[in-house]
Amino acid sequence: MGRTVPRNDEAARRARELYVPRVFGYKAVARELGISVTSVRRYVDDNFHQRMLADSREAKKRRTGVCERCGGETRYNGRTTNGPSPICDTCAHTFTHCQNGHKYTPETDLRQQPSYKRGGGHSCRICRNDYMREFSRRRRREAGIPERNLSSYESRRLKLETR
């Protein structure tokens, strides 16, 4: 098996130069270069590096699942602690409706940036507005503020829902 190129060629070269077994060990080299002991050991000991790669690959294989929609393979997404994603990448990118059945259109689809805690994706404007409206009502009720009059949109929507 060939040696894979480390991310920092200069640090790897210096680690191999500095390391002398039982004289200038992994900890001393790590302290000298300002990197972790594990990185030094990976740079110096190719067998250790290959074992770590194999362990990492095995761990990734253990974190696979089955897609709820199509039965394809799903992978661990790296963000959650509850295992692999419930749906595969292909199905995740084919969302046309939100969980409440509203169709995603340019007007209703709020694309979330990947920097958010949940990691990006779709959000429905209608569902978000309904949630915020109910949240505000609940907060006003808890604070003892009387209900406000419904807007014409809300009253029309309630009439349609009660039919």
N, C-alpha and C. Protein backbone atom coordinates (compact mmCIF):
# COMPACT_ATOMS: atom_id res chain seq x y z
N MET A 1 0.83 -1.17 0.00
CA MET A 1 0.00 0.00 0.00
C MET A 1 0.88 1.24 0.00
N GLY A 2 0.61 2.18 -0.90
CA GLY A 2 1.42 3.39 -0.98
C GLY A 2 1.06 4.38 0.11
N ARG A 3 2.00 5.20 0.43
CA ARG A 3 1.78 6.22 1.45
C ARG A 3 0.90 7.33 0.89
N THR A 4 -0.13 7.71 1.61
CA THR A 4 -0.97 8.80 1.17
C THR A 4 -0.30 10.11 1.55
N VAL A 5 -0.52 11.13 0.78
CA VAL A 5 0.13 12.42 1.01
C VAL A 5 -0.56 13.12 2.18
N PRO A 6 0.19 13.47 3.22
CA PRO A 6 -0.41 14.17 4.35
C PRO A 6 -0.83 15.58 3.95
N ARG A 7 -1.69 16.18 4.75
CA ARG A 7 -2.19 17.51 4.43
C ARG A 7 -1.09 18.56 4.48
N ASN A 8 -0.14 18.38 5.36
CA ASN A 8 0.91 19.37 5.52
C ASN A 8 2.26 18.70 5.23
N ASP A 9 2.71 18.81 4.00
CA ASP A 9 3.95 18.14 3.58
C ASP A 9 5.15 18.60 4.40
N GLU A 10 5.22 19.89 4.69
CA GLU A 10 6.36 20.43 5.43
C GLU A 10 6.40 19.86 6.84
N ALA A 11 5.25 19.80 7.52
CA ALA A 11 5.19 19.25 8.88
C ALA A 11 5.57 17.77 8.87
N ALA A 12 5.12 17.03 7.87
CA ALA A 12 5.44 15.60 7.77
C ALA A 12 6.94 15.40 7.57
N ARG A 13 7.52 16.21 6.70
CA ARG A 13 8.96 16.10 6.44
C ARG A 13 9.76 16.41 7.71
N ARG A 14 9.38 17.50 8.41
CA ARG A 14 10.08 17.88 9.64
C ARG A 14 9.90 16.82 10.73
N ALA A 15 8.70 16.24 10.84
CA ALA A 15 8.45 15.22 11.86
C ALA A 15 9.34 14.01 11.63
N ARG A 16 9.47 13.58 10.36
CA ARG A 16 10.33 12.43 10.06
C ARG A 16 11.80 12.74 10.34
N GLU A 17 12.21 14.00 10.13
CA GLU A 17 13.60 14.39 10.40
C GLU A 17 13.88 14.41 11.91
N LEU A 18 12.93 14.95 12.68
CA LEU A 18 13.16 15.14 14.12
C LEU A 18 13.02 13.87 14.93
N TYR A 19 12.15 12.95 14.50
CA TYR A 19 11.85 11.77 15.31
C TYR A 19 13.05 10.83 15.40
N VAL A 20 13.42 10.53 16.66
CA VAL A 20 14.46 9.55 16.96
C VAL A 20 13.88 8.68 18.09
N PRO A 21 13.62 7.38 17.82
CA PRO A 21 13.00 6.54 18.84
C PRO A 21 13.78 6.56 20.16
N ARG A 22 13.04 6.68 21.26
CA ARG A 22 13.56 6.66 22.63
C ARG A 22 14.47 7.85 22.96
N VAL A 23 14.64 8.78 22.02
CA VAL A 23 15.45 9.96 22.29
C VAL A 23 14.59 11.21 22.14
N PHE A 24 14.07 11.41 20.94
CA PHE A 24 13.21 12.56 20.65
C PHE A 24 11.91 11.98 20.10
N GLY A 25 11.00 11.61 21.02
CA GLY A 25 9.80 10.85 20.67
C GLY A 25 8.68 11.68 20.08
N TYR A 26 7.50 11.03 19.97
CA TYR A 26 6.34 11.66 19.36
C TYR A 26 5.94 12.94 20.09
N LYS A 27 5.90 12.90 21.43
CA LYS A 27 5.49 14.08 22.20
C LYS A 27 6.44 15.25 21.99
N ALA A 28 7.73 14.96 22.00
CA ALA A 28 8.72 16.03 21.83
C ALA A 28 8.61 16.65 20.43
N VAL A 29 8.44 15.80 19.42
CA VAL A 29 8.30 16.31 18.05
C VAL A 29 7.02 17.14 17.93
N ALA A 30 5.93 16.66 18.53
CA ALA A 30 4.66 17.39 18.48
C ALA A 30 4.80 18.75 19.14
N ARG A 31 5.46 18.79 20.30
CA ARG A 31 5.68 20.05 21.00
C ARG A 31 6.52 21.00 20.14
N GLU A 32 7.55 20.47 19.52
CA GLU A 32 8.45 21.27 18.68
C GLU A 32 7.73 21.86 17.47
N LEU A 33 6.86 21.07 16.83
CA LEU A 33 6.18 21.51 15.62
C LEU A 33 4.83 22.19 15.88
N GLY A 34 4.33 22.05 17.10
CA GLY A 34 3.05 22.66 17.44
C GLY A 34 1.87 21.94 16.83
N ILE A 35 1.97 20.62 16.69
CA ILE A 35 0.87 19.81 16.16
C ILE A 35 0.57 18.68 17.14
N SER A 36 -0.47 17.93 16.89
CA SER A 36 -0.86 16.87 17.82
C SER A 36 0.08 15.67 17.74
N VAL A 37 0.11 14.91 18.83
CA VAL A 37 0.94 13.71 18.89
C VAL A 37 0.47 12.69 17.85
N THR A 38 -0.85 12.60 17.66
CA THR A 38 -1.40 11.66 16.68
C THR A 38 -0.94 12.02 15.27
N SER A 39 -0.92 13.31 14.96
CA SER A 39 -0.46 13.72 13.63
C SER A 39 1.00 13.33 13.42
N VAL A 40 1.83 13.56 14.43
CA VAL A 40 3.24 13.18 14.32
C VAL A 40 3.36 11.69 14.09
N ARG A 41 2.61 10.92 14.86
CA ARG A 41 2.70 9.45 14.72
C ARG A 41 2.24 9.02 13.34
N ARG A 42 1.19 9.66 12.79
CA ARG A 42 0.73 9.34 11.44
C ARG A 42 1.81 9.66 10.40
N TYR A 43 2.50 10.79 10.59
CA TYR A 43 3.54 11.19 9.65
C TYR A 43 4.75 10.25 9.69
N VAL A 44 5.10 9.79 10.90
CA VAL A 44 6.32 8.99 11.07
C VAL A 44 6.08 7.51 10.83
N ASP A 45 4.98 6.98 11.33
CA ASP A 45 4.71 5.54 11.29
C ASP A 45 3.63 5.25 10.24
N ASP A 46 4.04 4.75 9.09
CA ASP A 46 3.10 4.49 8.01
C ASP A 46 2.08 3.41 8.37
N ASN A 47 2.49 2.39 9.14
CA ASN A 47 1.54 1.35 9.55
C ASN A 47 0.42 1.94 10.41
N PHE A 48 0.79 2.83 11.32
CA PHE A 48 -0.20 3.49 12.17
C PHE A 48 -1.17 4.31 11.31
N HIS A 49 -0.61 5.03 10.34
CA HIS A 49 -1.43 5.84 9.44
C HIS A 49 -2.42 4.96 8.67
N GLN A 50 -1.96 3.85 8.15
CA GLN A 50 -2.83 2.95 7.38
C GLN A 50 -3.90 2.32 8.28
N ARG A 51 -3.55 1.98 9.52
CA ARG A 51 -4.54 1.44 10.47
C ARG A 51 -5.62 2.46 10.77
N MET A 52 -5.20 3.72 10.97
CA MET A 52 -6.19 4.78 11.24
C MET A 52 -7.13 4.97 10.06
N LEU A 53 -6.60 4.93 8.83
CA LEU A 53 -7.44 5.06 7.65
C LEU A 53 -8.43 3.90 7.56
N ALA A 54 -7.94 2.68 7.81
CA ALA A 54 -8.81 1.50 7.75
C ALA A 54 -9.90 1.59 8.82
N ASP A 55 -9.54 2.00 10.04
CA ASP A 55 -10.53 2.15 11.11
C ASP A 55 -11.58 3.19 10.75
N SER A 56 -11.14 4.28 10.16
CA SER A 56 -12.06 5.34 9.76
C SER A 56 -13.03 4.84 8.69
N ARG A 57 -12.51 4.10 7.72
CA ARG A 57 -13.37 3.56 6.67
C ARG A 57 -14.38 2.56 7.23
N GLU A 58 -13.94 1.72 8.16
CA GLU A 58 -14.85 0.77 8.79
C GLU A 58 -15.95 1.48 9.58
N ALA A 59 -15.57 2.53 10.30
CA ALA A 59 -16.56 3.29 11.08
C ALA A 59 -17.60 3.91 10.15
N LYS A 60 -17.17 4.42 9.01
CA LYS A 60 -18.11 5.01 8.05
C LYS A 60 -19.05 3.95 7.49
N LYS A 61 -18.54 2.74 7.25
CA LYS A 61 -19.39 1.66 6.75
C LYS A 61 -20.45 1.27 7.78
N ARG A 62 -20.07 1.32 9.07
CA ARG A 62 -21.03 0.98 10.12
C ARG A 62 -22.14 2.01 10.23
N ARG A 63 -21.89 3.22 9.77
CA ARG A 63 -22.86 4.30 9.91
C ARG A 63 -23.73 4.47 8.67
N THR A 64 -24.03 3.40 7.99
CA THR A 64 -24.92 3.49 6.83
C THR A 64 -26.30 2.99 7.23
N GLY A 65 -27.28 3.38 6.45
CA GLY A 65 -28.65 2.97 6.72
C GLY A 65 -29.39 2.76 5.41
N VAL A 66 -30.70 2.62 5.50
CA VAL A 66 -31.56 2.41 4.34
C VAL A 66 -32.52 3.58 4.23
N CYS A 67 -32.64 4.14 3.03
CA CYS A 67 -33.51 5.29 2.78
C CYS A 67 -34.97 4.91 3.01
N GLU A 68 -35.70 5.77 3.72
CA GLU A 68 -37.12 5.52 4.00
C GLU A 68 -37.97 5.59 2.74
N ARG A 69 -37.51 6.32 1.73
CA ARG A 69 -38.31 6.53 0.53
C ARG A 69 -38.01 5.52 -0.57
N CYS A 70 -36.73 5.36 -0.91
CA CYS A 70 -36.41 4.54 -2.09
C CYS A 70 -35.68 3.24 -1.74
N GLY A 71 -35.23 3.08 -0.50
CA GLY A 71 -34.51 1.88 -0.13
C GLY A 71 -33.02 1.92 -0.43
N GLY A 72 -32.53 3.05 -0.92
CA GLY A 72 -31.11 3.20 -1.23
C GLY A 72 -30.28 3.36 0.03
N GLU A 73 -28.97 3.45 -0.15
CA GLU A 73 -28.06 3.57 0.98
C GLU A 73 -28.01 5.01 1.49
N THR A 74 -28.05 5.16 2.80
CA THR A 74 -27.87 6.48 3.41
C THR A 74 -26.58 6.45 4.21
N ARG A 75 -26.05 7.63 4.45
CA ARG A 75 -24.79 7.73 5.18
C ARG A 75 -24.96 8.61 6.40
N TYR A 76 -24.01 8.47 7.31
CA TYR A 76 -23.94 9.32 8.48
C TYR A 76 -23.64 10.72 7.99
N ASN A 77 -24.42 11.73 8.44
CA ASN A 77 -24.22 13.06 7.91
C ASN A 77 -23.22 13.90 8.69
N GLY A 78 -22.67 13.36 9.76
CA GLY A 78 -21.62 14.07 10.48
C GLY A 78 -22.12 15.12 11.45
N ARG A 79 -23.42 15.39 11.47
CA ARG A 79 -23.94 16.44 12.33
C ARG A 79 -24.78 15.91 13.49
N THR A 80 -25.45 14.81 13.28
CA THR A 80 -26.36 14.31 14.31
C THR A 80 -25.71 13.20 15.12
N THR A 81 -26.26 12.97 16.27
CA THR A 81 -25.74 11.89 17.11
C THR A 81 -26.63 10.66 17.03
N ASN A 82 -27.73 10.75 16.27
CA ASN A 82 -28.64 9.62 16.21
C ASN A 82 -28.51 8.81 14.93
N GLY A 83 -27.28 8.62 14.48
CA GLY A 83 -27.03 7.69 13.39
C GLY A 83 -27.15 8.27 12.00
N PRO A 84 -27.33 7.38 11.02
CA PRO A 84 -27.36 7.82 9.63
C PRO A 84 -28.62 8.62 9.30
N SER A 85 -28.57 9.34 8.21
CA SER A 85 -29.71 10.12 7.76
C SER A 85 -30.86 9.18 7.40
N PRO A 86 -32.11 9.61 7.61
CA PRO A 86 -33.24 8.75 7.28
C PRO A 86 -33.50 8.62 5.78
N ILE A 87 -33.05 9.61 4.99
CA ILE A 87 -33.23 9.53 3.54
C ILE A 87 -31.90 9.75 2.83
N CYS A 88 -31.77 9.21 1.63
CA CYS A 88 -30.52 9.30 0.87
C CYS A 88 -30.36 10.69 0.25
N ASP A 89 -29.18 10.97 -0.29
CA ASP A 89 -28.90 12.26 -0.92
C ASP A 89 -29.83 12.53 -2.09
N THR A 90 -30.10 11.52 -2.89
CA THR A 90 -30.95 11.69 -4.07
C THR A 90 -32.35 12.12 -3.66
N CYS A 91 -32.93 11.44 -2.68
CA CYS A 91 -34.28 11.79 -2.22
C CYS A 91 -34.28 13.15 -1.51
N ALA A 92 -33.22 13.46 -0.80
CA ALA A 92 -33.15 14.73 -0.08
C ALA A 92 -33.17 15.91 -1.03
N HIS A 93 -32.65 15.72 -2.23
CA HIS A 93 -32.61 16.82 -3.18
C HIS A 93 -33.82 16.86 -4.11
N THR A 94 -34.82 16.03 -3.86
CA THR A 94 -36.01 16.02 -4.71
C THR A 94 -37.25 16.46 -3.95
N PHE A 95 -37.08 17.22 -2.88
CA PHE A 95 -38.24 17.71 -2.15
C PHE A 95 -39.04 18.67 -3.02
N THR A 96 -40.33 18.45 -3.14
CA THR A 96 -41.20 19.36 -3.87
C THR A 96 -42.24 19.99 -2.97
N HIS A 97 -42.48 19.36 -1.79
CA HIS A 97 -43.47 19.87 -0.85
C HIS A 97 -42.90 19.82 0.56
N CYS A 98 -43.39 20.69 1.43
CA CYS A 98 -42.96 20.67 2.83
C CYS A 98 -43.70 19.53 3.54
N GLN A 99 -43.38 19.33 4.81
CA GLN A 99 -43.99 18.23 5.56
C GLN A 99 -45.49 18.41 5.76
N ASN A 100 -46.00 19.63 5.60
CA ASN A 100 -47.44 19.87 5.72
C ASN A 100 -48.14 19.92 4.37
N GLY A 101 -47.42 19.61 3.29
CA GLY A 101 -48.03 19.49 1.98
C GLY A 101 -48.02 20.75 1.14
N HIS A 102 -47.39 21.83 1.60
CA HIS A 102 -47.32 23.05 0.79
C HIS A 102 -46.26 22.88 -0.30
N LYS A 103 -46.59 23.24 -1.52
CA LYS A 103 -45.64 23.10 -2.63
C LYS A 103 -44.55 24.16 -2.51
N TYR A 104 -43.30 23.72 -2.73
CA TYR A 104 -42.19 24.66 -2.75
C TYR A 104 -42.20 25.43 -4.06
N THR A 105 -42.34 26.72 -3.97
CA THR A 105 -42.25 27.62 -5.12
C THR A 105 -41.24 28.69 -4.76
N PRO A 106 -40.82 29.50 -5.71
CA PRO A 106 -39.88 30.58 -5.35
C PRO A 106 -40.41 31.51 -4.26
N GLU A 107 -41.74 31.65 -4.16
CA GLU A 107 -42.33 32.52 -3.15
C GLU A 107 -42.39 31.86 -1.77
N THR A 108 -42.53 30.54 -1.73
CA THR A 108 -42.71 29.86 -0.44
C THR A 108 -41.48 29.15 0.08
N ASP A 109 -40.48 28.96 -0.77
CA ASP A 109 -39.28 28.21 -0.38
C ASP A 109 -38.25 29.15 0.24
N LEU A 110 -37.96 28.95 1.51
CA LEU A 110 -36.92 29.72 2.18
C LEU A 110 -35.69 28.83 2.27
N ARG A 111 -34.75 29.02 1.36
CA ARG A 111 -33.53 28.21 1.38
C ARG A 111 -32.69 28.65 2.56
N GLN A 112 -32.31 27.68 3.41
CA GLN A 112 -31.50 28.00 4.58
C GLN A 112 -30.03 27.88 4.22
N GLN A 113 -29.25 28.78 4.74
CA GLN A 113 -27.81 28.76 4.49
C GLN A 113 -27.17 27.64 5.30
N PRO A 114 -26.13 27.00 4.79
CA PRO A 114 -25.48 25.89 5.50
C PRO A 114 -24.88 26.29 6.85
N SER A 115 -24.72 27.58 7.10
CA SER A 115 -24.13 27.99 8.37
C SER A 115 -25.10 27.88 9.55
N TYR A 116 -26.38 27.70 9.28
CA TYR A 116 -27.34 27.53 10.37
C TYR A 116 -27.05 26.24 11.12
N LYS A 117 -27.53 26.17 12.33
CA LYS A 117 -27.25 25.01 13.18
C LYS A 117 -27.72 23.71 12.54
N ARG A 118 -28.87 23.74 11.87
CA ARG A 118 -29.41 22.52 11.28
C ARG A 118 -28.74 22.15 9.98
N GLY A 119 -27.99 23.06 9.37
CA GLY A 119 -27.19 22.68 8.22
C GLY A 119 -27.80 22.94 6.85
N GLY A 120 -28.72 23.85 6.71
CA GLY A 120 -29.22 24.20 5.39
C GLY A 120 -30.40 23.35 4.98
N GLY A 121 -30.92 23.61 3.79
CA GLY A 121 -32.04 22.86 3.27
C GLY A 121 -33.21 23.78 2.97
N HIS A 122 -34.42 23.21 2.95
CA HIS A 122 -35.63 23.98 2.65
C HIS A 122 -36.37 24.34 3.92
N SER A 123 -37.11 25.42 3.85
CA SER A 123 -38.02 25.80 4.91
C SER A 123 -39.22 26.44 4.23
N CYS A 124 -40.42 26.13 4.69
CA CYS A 124 -41.63 26.62 4.06
C CYS A 124 -42.06 27.94 4.71
N ARG A 125 -42.24 28.97 3.88
CA ARG A 125 -42.64 30.29 4.38
C ARG A 125 -44.02 30.23 5.04
N ILE A 126 -44.95 29.48 4.45
CA ILE A 126 -46.31 29.39 4.99
C ILE A 126 -46.28 28.76 6.38
N CYS A 127 -45.55 27.64 6.51
CA CYS A 127 -45.47 26.97 7.81
C CYS A 127 -44.77 27.85 8.83
N ARG A 128 -43.72 28.54 8.42
CA ARG A 128 -43.00 29.40 9.34
C ARG A 128 -43.89 30.55 9.82
N ASN A 129 -44.64 31.16 8.88
CA ASN A 129 -45.54 32.24 9.26
C ASN A 129 -46.64 31.76 10.19
N ASP A 130 -47.21 30.58 9.93
CA ASP A 130 -48.23 30.01 10.82
C ASP A 130 -47.66 29.77 12.21
N TYR A 131 -46.44 29.22 12.26
CA TYR A 131 -45.81 28.95 13.55
C TYR A 131 -45.58 30.25 14.31
N MET A 132 -45.05 31.27 13.64
CA MET A 132 -44.77 32.54 14.31
C MET A 132 -46.06 33.22 14.78
N ARG A 133 -47.13 33.11 13.98
CA ARG A 133 -48.42 33.68 14.37
C ARG A 133 -48.92 33.00 15.64
N GLU A 134 -48.87 31.67 15.68
CA GLU A 134 -49.33 30.92 16.86
C GLU A 134 -48.42 31.19 18.06
N PHE A 135 -47.12 31.29 17.82
CA PHE A 135 -46.17 31.60 18.90
C PHE A 135 -46.49 32.96 19.51
N SER A 136 -46.76 33.96 18.67
CA SER A 136 -47.08 35.31 19.17
C SER A 136 -48.38 35.29 19.97
N ARG A 137 -49.38 34.56 19.47
CA ARG A 137 -50.65 34.46 20.21
C ARG A 137 -50.43 33.83 21.58
N ARG A 138 -49.65 32.76 21.62
CA ARG A 138 -49.38 32.07 22.88
C ARG A 138 -48.66 33.00 23.86
N ARG A 139 -47.67 33.73 23.36
CA ARG A 139 -46.93 34.66 24.23
C ARG A 139 -47.83 35.77 24.76
N ARG A 140 -48.72 36.31 23.89
CA ARG A 140 -49.64 37.36 24.34
C ARG A 140 -50.60 36.81 25.40
N ARG A 141 -51.09 35.58 25.17
CA ARG A 141 -51.99 34.96 26.14
C ARG A 141 -51.30 34.80 27.49
N GLU A 142 -50.04 34.31 27.47
CA GLU A 142 -49.29 34.11 28.71
C GLU A 142 -49.02 35.43 29.42
N ALA A 143 -48.86 36.51 28.67
CA ALA A 143 -48.58 37.82 29.25
C ALA A 143 -49.86 38.53 29.66
N GLY A 144 -51.03 37.96 29.32
CA GLY A 144 -52.30 38.57 29.70
C GLY A 144 -52.74 39.67 28.76
N ILE A 145 -52.18 39.74 27.58
CA ILE A 145 -52.57 40.74 26.59
C ILE A 145 -53.74 40.18 25.80
N PRO A 146 -54.83 40.97 25.62
CA PRO A 146 -56.01 40.44 24.92
C PRO A 146 -55.70 40.12 23.46
N GLU A 147 -56.50 39.19 22.91
CA GLU A 147 -56.34 38.78 21.50
C GLU A 147 -56.55 39.99 20.59
N ARG A 148 -55.78 40.07 19.54
CA ARG A 148 -55.98 41.15 18.57
C ARG A 148 -56.96 40.68 17.51
N ASN A 149 -57.52 41.62 16.78
CA ASN A 149 -58.45 41.26 15.72
C ASN A 149 -57.71 40.54 14.61
N LEU A 150 -58.38 39.57 14.00
CA LEU A 150 -57.77 38.82 12.91
C LEU A 150 -57.67 39.70 11.67
N SER A 151 -56.61 39.54 10.93
CA SER A 151 -56.49 40.25 9.65
C SER A 151 -57.46 39.63 8.66
N SER A 152 -57.69 40.32 7.58
CA SER A 152 -58.63 39.79 6.58
C SER A 152 -58.11 38.46 6.02
N TYR A 153 -56.80 38.34 5.88
CA TYR A 153 -56.22 37.09 5.38
C TYR A 153 -56.51 35.95 6.35
N GLU A 154 -56.27 36.20 7.65
CA GLU A 154 -56.48 35.15 8.65
C GLU A 154 -57.95 34.76 8.74
N SER A 155 -58.85 35.74 8.67
CA SER A 155 -60.28 35.41 8.79
C SER A 155 -60.73 34.61 7.56
N ARG A 156 -60.24 34.97 6.36
CA ARG A 156 -60.57 34.20 5.16
C ARG A 156 -60.03 32.77 5.28
N ARG A 157 -58.84 32.66 5.80
CA ARG A 157 -58.21 31.33 5.92
C ARG A 157 -59.00 30.47 6.91
N LEU A 158 -59.43 31.05 8.03
CA LEU A 158 -60.21 30.29 9.00
C LEU A 158 -61.54 29.85 8.41
N LYS A 159 -62.17 30.71 7.61
CA LYS A 159 -63.44 30.35 6.98
C LYS A 159 -63.24 29.17 6.03
N LEU A 160 -62.13 29.21 5.27
CA LEU A 160 -61.87 28.14 4.33
C LEU A 160 -61.57 26.83 5.05
N GLU A 161 -60.88 26.89 6.17
CA GLU A 161 -60.53 25.69 6.92
C GLU A 161 -61.74 25.05 7.59
N THR A 162 -62.75 25.87 7.96
CA THR A 162 -63.92 25.33 8.67
C THR A 162 -64.95 24.76 7.71
N ARG A 163 -64.84 25.01 6.41
CA ARG A 163 -65.81 24.47 5.45
C ARG A 163 -65.70 22.99 5.28
